[in-house]
PDB file of N, CA and C in Angstrom:
ATOM      1  N   MET A   1      57.812 140.523  60.789  1.00  0.00           N
ATOM      2  CA  MET A   1      57.525 139.988  59.703  1.00  0.00           C
ATOM      3  C   MET A   1      56.306 140.262  58.839  1.00  0.00           C
ATOM      4  N   LYS A   2      55.989 140.871  57.741  1.00  0.00           N
ATOM      5  CA  LYS A   2      55.059 140.765  57.689  1.00  0.00           C
ATOM      6  C   LYS A   2      54.001 140.500  56.085  1.00  0.00           C
ATOM      7  N   ILE A   3      53.017 140.325  55.943  1.00  0.00           N
ATOM      8  CA  ILE A   3      51.336 139.757  55.522  1.00  0.00           C
ATOM      9  C   ILE A   3      50.761 140.794  54.654  1.00  0.00           C
ATOM     10  N   GLN A   4      50.244 141.293  53.845  1.00  0.00           N
ATOM     11  CA  GLN A   4      48.979 141.984  53.520  1.00  0.00           C
ATOM     12  C   GLN A   4      47.815 140.903  53.162  1.00  0.00           C
ATOM     13  N   TYR A   5      46.573 141.491  53.191  1.00  0.00           N
ATOM     14  CA  TYR A   5      45.579 141.163  53.520  1.00  0.00           C
ATOM     15  C   TYR A   5      44.647 142.573  52.539  1.00  0.00           C
ATOM     16  N   THR A   6      43.460 141.768  51.538  1.00  0.00           N
ATOM     17  CA  THR A   6      42.283 142.780  51.329  1.00  0.00           C
ATOM     18  C   THR A   6      41.400 142.094  52.254  1.00  0.00           C
ATOM     19  N   LEU A   7      40.700 143.069  52.286  1.00  0.00           N
ATOM     20  CA  LEU A   7      39.746 142.478  53.571  1.00  0.00           C
ATOM     21  C   LEU A   7      38.563 142.545  52.999  1.00  0.00           C
ATOM     22  N   ASP A   8      37.692 141.256  53.387  1.00  0.00           N
ATOM     23  CA  ASP A   8      36.037 141.224  52.602  1.00  0.00           C
ATOM     24  C   ASP A   8      34.672 141.912  53.591  1.00  0.00           C
ATOM     25  N   ASN A   9      35.460 142.386  54.221  1.00  0.00           N
ATOM     26  CA  ASN A   9      34.391 142.843  55.530  1.00  0.00           C
ATOM     27  C   ASN A   9      35.083 143.594  55.863  1.00  0.00           C
ATOM     28  N   ASP A  10      33.755 144.638  56.622  1.00  0.00           N
ATOM     29  CA  ASP A  10      34.273 145.813  57.558  1.00  0.00           C
ATOM     30  C   ASP A  10      35.031 144.972  58.762  1.00  0.00           C
ATOM     31  N   VAL A  11      35.745 146.080  59.198  1.00  0.00           N
ATOM     32  CA  VAL A  11      35.945 145.238  60.815  1.00  0.00           C
ATOM     33  C   VAL A  11      35.425 147.012  61.865  1.00  0.00           C
ATOM     34  N   VAL A  12      34.940 146.576  62.148  1.00  0.00           N
ATOM     35  CA  VAL A  12      33.852 147.217  63.766  1.00  0.00           C
ATOM     36  C   VAL A  12      33.018 146.543  64.463  1.00  0.00           C
ATOM     37  N   ALA A  13      32.344 147.712  65.010  1.00  0.00           N
ATOM     38  CA  ALA A  13      32.422 146.748  66.826  1.00  0.00           C
ATOM     39  C   ALA A  13      32.546 145.141  66.848  1.00  0.00           C
ATOM     40  N   ARG A  14      31.769 144.604  66.755  1.00  0.00           N
ATOM     41  CA  ARG A  14      31.610 142.930  67.391  1.00  0.00           C
ATOM     42  C   ARG A  14      33.481 142.300  66.164  1.00  0.00           C
ATOM     43  N   ALA A  15      33.183 142.088  65.096  1.00  0.00           N
ATOM     44  CA  ALA A  15      34.556 141.935  64.156  1.00  0.00           C
ATOM     45  C   ALA A  15      35.674 142.614  65.261  1.00  0.00           C
ATOM     46  N   ALA A  16      35.781 143.552  65.205  1.00  0.00           N
ATOM     47  CA  ALA A  16      37.023 144.442  65.617  1.00  0.00           C
ATOM     48  C   ALA A  16      37.162 143.417  67.114  1.00  0.00           C
ATOM     49  N   THR A  17      36.740 144.029  67.561  1.00  0.00           N
ATOM     50  CA  THR A  17      36.316 142.493  68.650  1.00  0.00           C
ATOM     51  C   THR A  17      36.881 141.804  69.284  1.00  0.00           C
ATOM     52  N   GLN A  18      36.605 140.784  68.124  1.00  0.00           N
ATOM     53  CA  GLN A  18      37.171 139.600  68.426  1.00  0.00           C
ATOM     54  C   GLN A  18      37.656 138.710  67.680  1.00  0.00           C
ATOM     55  N   LEU A  19      38.669 140.242  66.368  1.00  0.00           N
ATOM     56  CA  LEU A  19      39.455 140.615  66.431  1.00  0.00           C
ATOM     57  C   LEU A  19      40.837 141.467  66.862  1.00  0.00           C
ATOM     58  N   ASN A  20      40.909 141.750  68.008  1.00  0.00           N
ATOM     59  CA  ASN A  20      40.765 141.982  69.418  1.00  0.00           C
ATOM     60  C   ASN A  20      42.160 141.127  69.959  1.00  0.00           C
ATOM     61  N   TRP A  21      40.823 140.176  70.082  1.00  0.00           N
ATOM     62  CA  TRP A  21      40.629 139.209  71.406  1.00  0.00           C
ATOM     63  C   TRP A  21      41.968 138.616  71.346  1.00  0.00           C
ATOM     64  N   GLU A  22      41.641 138.097  69.546  1.00  0.00           N
ATOM     65  CA  GLU A  22      42.469 137.238  68.523  1.00  0.00           C
ATOM     66  C   GLU A  22      44.245 137.559  68.946  1.00  0.00           C
ATOM     67  N   ILE A  23      44.483 138.812  68.479  1.00  0.00           N
ATOM     68  CA  ILE A  23      45.227 139.203  68.200  1.00  0.00           C
ATOM     69  C   ILE A  23      45.927 139.262  69.186  1.00  0.00           C
ATOM     70  N   ASN A  24      45.468 139.977  70.560  1.00  0.00           N
ATOM     71  CA  ASN A  24      46.083 139.667  71.746  1.00  0.00           C
ATOM     72  C   ASN A  24      46.569 138.485  72.376  1.00  0.00           C
ATOM     73  N   LYS A  25      46.466 137.112  71.562  1.00  0.00           N
ATOM     74  CA  LYS A  25      46.771 136.015  72.254  1.00  0.00           C
ATOM     75  C   LYS A  25      48.704 135.915  71.726  1.00  0.00           C
ATOM     76  N   ILE A  26      48.697 136.778  70.321  1.00  0.00           N
ATOM     77  CA  ILE A  26      50.111 136.587  70.280  1.00  0.00           C
ATOM     78  C   ILE A  26      51.100 137.361  70.918  1.00  0.00           C
ATOM     79  N   ASP A  27      52.331 136.545  70.977  1.00  0.00           N
ATOM     80  CA  ASP A  27      52.775 137.535  71.875  1.00  0.00           C
ATOM     81  C   ASP A  27      53.960 138.544  70.869  1.00  0.00           C
ATOM     82  N   GLY A  28      54.246 139.404  71.110  1.00  0.00           N
ATOM     83  CA  GLY A  28      54.395 140.339  70.967  1.00  0.00           C
ATOM     84  C   GLY A  28      54.148 142.251  70.170  1.00  0.00           C
ATOM     85  N   PRO A  29      54.698 142.859  70.187  1.00  0.00           N
ATOM     86  CA  PRO A  29      53.549 144.001  69.055  1.00  0.00           C
ATOM     87  C   PRO A  29      53.391 144.046  67.535  1.00  0.00           C
ATOM     88  N   PHE A  30      51.952 144.137  67.833  1.00  0.00           N
ATOM     89  CA  PHE A  30      51.427 143.879  66.445  1.00  0.00           C
ATOM     90  C   PHE A  30      50.672 145.185  65.808  1.00  0.00           C
ATOM     91  N   TYR A  31      51.100 145.151  64.672  1.00  0.00           N
ATOM     92  CA  TYR A  31      50.453 146.431  64.147  1.00  0.00           C
ATOM     93  C   TYR A  31      49.433 146.135  62.664  1.00  0.00           C
ATOM     94  N   ILE A  32      48.536 146.885  61.900  1.00  0.00           N
ATOM     95  CA  ILE A  32      48.104 146.688  61.147  1.00  0.00           C
ATOM     96  C   ILE A  32      48.531 148.129  59.913  1.00  0.00           C
ATOM     97  N   ILE A  33      48.862 148.164  59.418  1.00  0.00           N
ATOM     98  CA  ILE A  33      49.480 149.760  58.429  1.00  0.00           C
ATOM     99  C   ILE A  33      48.261 149.643  57.489  1.00  0.00           C
ATOM    100  N   LYS A  34      48.278 150.604  57.199  1.00  0.00           N
ATOM    101  CA  LYS A  34      46.916 150.844  55.980  1.00  0.00           C
ATOM    102  C   LYS A  34      47.294 152.190  55.863  1.00  0.00           C
ATOM    103  N   ASN A  35      47.197 152.493  54.220  1.00  0.00           N
ATOM    104  CA  ASN A  35      48.068 154.016  53.885  1.00  0.00           C
ATOM    105  C   ASN A  35      49.064 154.585  54.235  1.00  0.00           C
ATOM    106  N   GLU A  36      49.678 153.867  55.529  1.00  0.00           N
ATOM    107  CA  GLU A  36      51.010 153.878  55.888  1.00  0.00           C
ATOM    108  C   GLU A  36      51.027 155.013  57.435  1.00  0.00           C
ATOM    109  N   ARG A  37      49.765 154.554  57.388  1.00  0.00           N
ATOM    110  CA  ARG A  37      49.154 154.835  59.308  1.00  0.00           C
ATOM    111  C   ARG A  37      49.601 153.830  59.428  1.00  0.00           C
ATOM    112  N   MET A  38      50.138 153.426  61.045  1.00  0.00           N
ATOM    113  CA  MET A  38      50.427 152.305  61.933  1.00  0.00           C
ATOM    114  C   MET A  38      49.273 152.298  62.833  1.00  0.00           C
ATOM    115  N   ILE A  39      48.191 150.925  62.627  1.00  0.00           N
ATOM    116  CA  ILE A  39      47.568 151.078  64.041  1.00  0.00           C
ATOM    117  C   ILE A  39      48.103 149.441  64.969  1.00  0.00           C
ATOM    118  N   ASN A  40      48.323 150.242  66.131  1.00  0.00           N
ATOM    119  CA  ASN A  40      47.968 149.252  66.718  1.00  0.00           C
ATOM    120  C   ASN A  40      47.381 148.222  67.501  1.00  0.00           C
ATOM    121  N   ALA A  41      47.163 146.628  66.814  1.00  0.00           N
ATOM    122  CA  ALA A  41      46.155 145.720  66.986  1.00  0.00           C
ATOM    123  C   ALA A  41      45.774 145.553  67.708  1.00  0.00           C
ATOM    124  N   LYS A  42      46.571 145.699  68.867  1.00  0.00           N
ATOM    125  CA  LYS A  42      46.256 144.980  70.249  1.00  0.00           C
ATOM    126  C   LYS A  42      45.025 145.553  71.295  1.00  0.00           C
ATOM    127  N   SER A  43      45.131 146.752  70.613  1.00  0.00           N
ATOM    128  CA  SER A  43      44.240 148.567  71.141  1.00  0.00           C
ATOM    129  C   SER A  43      42.702 148.199  70.766  1.00  0.00           C
ATOM    130  N   ILE A  44      41.681 147.760  71.537  1.00  0.00           N
ATOM    131  CA  ILE A  44      40.290 148.264  70.686  1.00  0.00           C
ATOM    132  C   ILE A  44      39.932 149.361  69.933  1.00  0.00           C
ATOM    133  N   ILE A  45      40.649 150.322  70.422  1.00  0.00           N
ATOM    134  CA  ILE A  45      40.828 151.295  70.094  1.00  0.00           C
ATOM    135  C   ILE A  45      41.027 151.763  68.932  1.00  0.00           C
ATOM    136  N   GLY A  46      42.685 151.502  68.768  1.00  0.00           N
ATOM    137  CA  GLY A  46      43.037 151.344  67.941  1.00  0.00           C
ATOM    138  C   GLY A  46      42.648 151.035  65.934  1.00  0.00           C
ATOM    139  N   LEU A  47      42.221 150.074  66.557  1.00  0.00           N
ATOM    140  CA  LEU A  47      41.136 149.025  65.316  1.00  0.00           C
ATOM    141  C   LEU A  47      39.886 149.679  65.312  1.00  0.00           C
ATOM    142  N   LEU A  48      39.488 149.899  65.828  1.00  0.00           N
ATOM    143  CA  LEU A  48      38.087 150.942  65.465  1.00  0.00           C
ATOM    144  C   LEU A  48      38.609 152.584  65.544  1.00  0.00           C
ATOM    145  N   SER A  49      39.409 152.848  65.064  1.00  0.00           N
ATOM    146  CA  SER A  49      39.696 154.393  64.648  1.00  0.00           C
ATOM    147  C   SER A  49      40.441 154.281  63.504  1.00  0.00           C
ATOM    148  N   GLY A  50      40.903 152.765  63.240  1.00  0.00           N
ATOM    149  CA  GLY A  50      41.697 152.244  62.211  1.00  0.00           C
ATOM    150  C   GLY A  50      41.183 152.450  60.340  1.00  0.00           C
ATOM    151  N   ASN A  51      39.610 152.793  60.643  1.00  0.00           N
ATOM    152  CA  ASN A  51      38.276 152.596  59.498  1.00  0.00           C
ATOM    153  C   ASN A  51      39.347 151.860  58.325  1.00  0.00           C
ATOM    154  N   LEU A  52      39.131 150.309  59.454  1.00  0.00           N
ATOM    155  CA  LEU A  52      39.191 149.231  58.149  1.00  0.00           C
ATOM    156  C   LEU A  52      37.990 148.829  57.512  1.00  0.00           C
ATOM    157  N   HIS A  53      38.362 148.897  55.852  1.00  0.00           N
ATOM    158  CA  HIS A  53      36.505 148.324  55.661  1.00  0.00           C
ATOM    159  C   HIS A  53      36.652 147.908  54.242  1.00  0.00           C
ATOM    160  N   LYS A  54      35.443 146.863  53.500  1.00  0.00           N
ATOM    161  CA  LYS A  54      35.911 145.704  52.740  1.00  0.00           C
ATOM    162  C   LYS A  54      36.739 146.427  51.826  1.00  0.00           C
ATOM    163  N   GLY A  55      37.307 145.710  50.975  1.00  0.00           N
ATOM    164  CA  GLY A  55      38.516 146.337  49.788  1.00  0.00           C
ATOM    165  C   GLY A  55      39.066 147.014  50.482  1.00  0.00           C
ATOM    166  N   ASP A  56      40.074 147.008  51.621  1.00  0.00           N
ATOM    167  CA  ASP A  56      41.170 147.915  52.349  1.00  0.00           C
ATOM    168  C   ASP A  56      42.149 147.125  51.753  1.00  0.00           C
ATOM    169  N   THR A  57      43.029 147.065  51.271  1.00  0.00           N
ATOM    170  CA  THR A  57      44.202 145.845  51.352  1.00  0.00           C
ATOM    171  C   THR A  57      45.104 146.484  52.695  1.00  0.00           C
ATOM    172  N   ILE A  58      45.558 145.599  53.099  1.00  0.00           N
ATOM    173  CA  ILE A  58      46.709 146.402  54.466  1.00  0.00           C
ATOM    174  C   ILE A  58      47.487 145.041  54.817  1.00  0.00           C
ATOM    175  N   THR A  59      49.245 145.978  55.801  1.00  0.00           N
ATOM    176  CA  THR A  59      49.649 145.040  56.012  1.00  0.00           C
ATOM    177  C   THR A  59      49.898 144.810  57.132  1.00  0.00           C
ATOM    178  N   ILE A  60      49.890 143.345  57.953  1.00  0.00           N
ATOM    179  CA  ILE A  60      50.324 143.119  58.980  1.00  0.00           C
ATOM    180  C   ILE A  60      51.761 142.533  59.712  1.00  0.00           C
ATOM    181  N   GLU A  61      52.017 143.304  60.286  1.00  0.00           N
ATOM    182  CA  GLU A  61      53.471 143.173  61.180  1.00  0.00           C
ATOM    183  C   GLU A  61      53.214 142.752  62.223  1.00  0.00           C
ATOM    184  N   PHE A  62      54.345 142.021  62.481  1.00  0.00           N
ATOM    185  CA  PHE A  62      54.478 141.097  64.246  1.00  0.00           C
ATOM    186  C   PHE A  62      56.057 140.585  63.859  1.00  0.00           C
ATOM    187  N   GLU A  63      55.817 140.159  65.115  1.00  0.00           N
ATOM    188  CA  GLU A  63      57.432 140.222  64.868  1.00  0.00           C
ATOM    189  C   GLU A  63      57.969 138.622  65.274  1.00  0.00           C
ATOM    190  N   SER A  64      57.279 137.819  65.690  1.00  0.00           N
ATOM    191  CA  SER A  64      57.170 136.378  65.573  1.00  0.00           C
ATOM    192  C   SER A  64      56.771 135.576  64.449  1.00  0.00           C
ATOM    193  N   GLU A  65      58.148 134.625  63.591  1.00  0.00           N
ATOM    194  CA  GLU A  65      57.639 134.099  62.960  1.00  0.00           C
ATOM    195  C   GLU A  65      57.202 132.968  63.498  1.00  0.00           C
ATOM    196  N   ASP A  66      56.619 132.691  64.193  1.00  0.00           N
ATOM    197  CA  ASP A  66      56.288 131.352  65.005  1.00  0.00           C
ATOM    198  C   ASP A  66      54.688 131.704  64.385  1.00  0.00           C
ATOM    199  N   SER A  67      54.288 132.844  64.691  1.00  0.00           N
ATOM    200  CA  SER A  67      53.122 133.081  64.996  1.00  0.00           C
ATOM    201  C   SER A  67      52.672 133.546  63.209  1.00  0.00           C
ATOM    202  N   ALA A  68      53.091 133.046  62.397  1.00  0.00           N
ATOM    203  CA  ALA A  68      52.703 133.453  61.197  1.00  0.00           C
ATOM    204  C   ALA A  68      51.337 132.743  61.302  1.00  0.00           C
ATOM    205  N   ASP A  69      51.305 131.458  60.989  1.00  0.00           N
ATOM    206  CA  ASP A  69      50.212 130.190  61.127  1.00  0.00           C
ATOM    207  C   ASP A  69      49.235 130.456  61.664  1.00  0.00           C
ATOM    208  N   LYS A  70      49.307 131.507  63.057  1.00  0.00           N
ATOM    209  CA  LYS A  70      48.242 131.928  63.908  1.00  0.00           C
ATOM    210  C   LYS A  70      47.512 132.899  62.987  1.00  0.00           C
ATOM    211  N   VAL A  71      48.558 133.630  62.423  1.00  0.00           N
ATOM    212  CA  VAL A  71      48.007 134.954  62.134  1.00  0.00           C
ATOM    213  C   VAL A  71      46.711 135.000  61.072  1.00  0.00           C
ATOM    214  N   ARG A  72      47.695 134.061  60.086  1.00  0.00           N
ATOM    215  CA  ARG A  72      46.931 133.814  58.909  1.00  0.00           C
ATOM    216  C   ARG A  72      45.400 133.133  58.878  1.00  0.00           C
ATOM    217  N   GLU A  73      45.654 132.061  60.064  1.00  0.00           N
ATOM    218  CA  GLU A  73      44.443 131.864  60.544  1.00  0.00           C
ATOM    219  C   GLU A  73      43.261 132.849  60.603  1.00  0.00           C
ATOM    220  N   ILE A  74      43.598 134.141  61.534  1.00  0.00           N
ATOM    221  CA  ILE A  74      42.812 134.991  62.087  1.00  0.00           C
ATOM    222  C   ILE A  74      41.902 136.021  60.852  1.00  0.00           C
ATOM    223  N   PHE A  75      43.150 136.152  60.330  1.00  0.00           N
ATOM    224  CA  PHE A  75      43.220 137.147  59.156  1.00  0.00           C
ATOM    225  C   PHE A  75      42.451 136.160  57.683  1.00  0.00           C
ATOM    226  N   ASN A  76      42.478 134.780  57.497  1.00  0.00           N
ATOM    227  CA  ASN A  76      41.405 134.477  56.322  1.00  0.00           C
ATOM    228  C   ASN A  76      39.621 134.708  57.013  1.00  0.00           C
ATOM    229  N   GLU A  77      40.098 135.067  58.582  1.00  0.00           N
ATOM    230  CA  GLU A  77      38.456 134.888  58.471  1.00  0.00           C
ATOM    231  C   GLU A  77      37.714 136.002  58.213  1.00  0.00           C
ATOM    232  N   ILE A  78      38.821 137.168  57.696  1.00  0.00           N
ATOM    233  CA  ILE A  78      38.044 138.930  57.360  1.00  0.00           C
ATOM    234  C   ILE A  78      39.059 139.193  55.497  1.00  0.00           C
ATOM    235  N   GLY A  79      39.337 137.886  54.978  1.00  0.00           N
ATOM    236  CA  GLY A  79      39.862 138.568  53.595  1.00  0.00           C
ATOM    237  C   GLY A  79      40.904 137.379  53.194  1.00  0.00           C
ATOM    238  N   ARG A  80      41.671 138.090  52.489  1.00  0.00           N
ATOM    239  CA  ARG A  80      42.580 137.031  51.901  1.00  0.00           C
ATOM    240  C   ARG A  80      43.886 137.436  51.072  1.00  0.00           C
ATOM    241  N   GLU A  81      44.622 136.541  51.291  1.00  0.00           N
ATOM    242  CA  GLU A  81      46.454 137.100  51.401  1.00  0.00           C
ATOM    243  C   GLU A  81      46.493 137.791  50.068  1.00  0.00           C
ATOM    244  N   VAL A  82      47.544 138.644  50.002  1.00  0.00           N
ATOM    245  CA  VAL A  82      47.802 139.644  48.664  1.00  0.00           C
ATOM    246  C   VAL A  82      49.102 138.895  48.257  1.00  0.00           C
TER     247      VAL A  82
END
């Protein structure tokens, strides 16, 4: 499943750590796609190296459709769905 978000804030240090902690509660692979670059969001290094900044539009890709509500809950904290 894929969902697009526009970020309201930069995802650095503390925000990346909190985001990573919440994402790791979701089963299966979880990726953030920015400018055709696929970032493993279950890796803190992946999140930090993804250069996720305010105004960026990202695509969130995950397997479990059952997790869609939880994903939206997590990402509504840092952005808005497109």
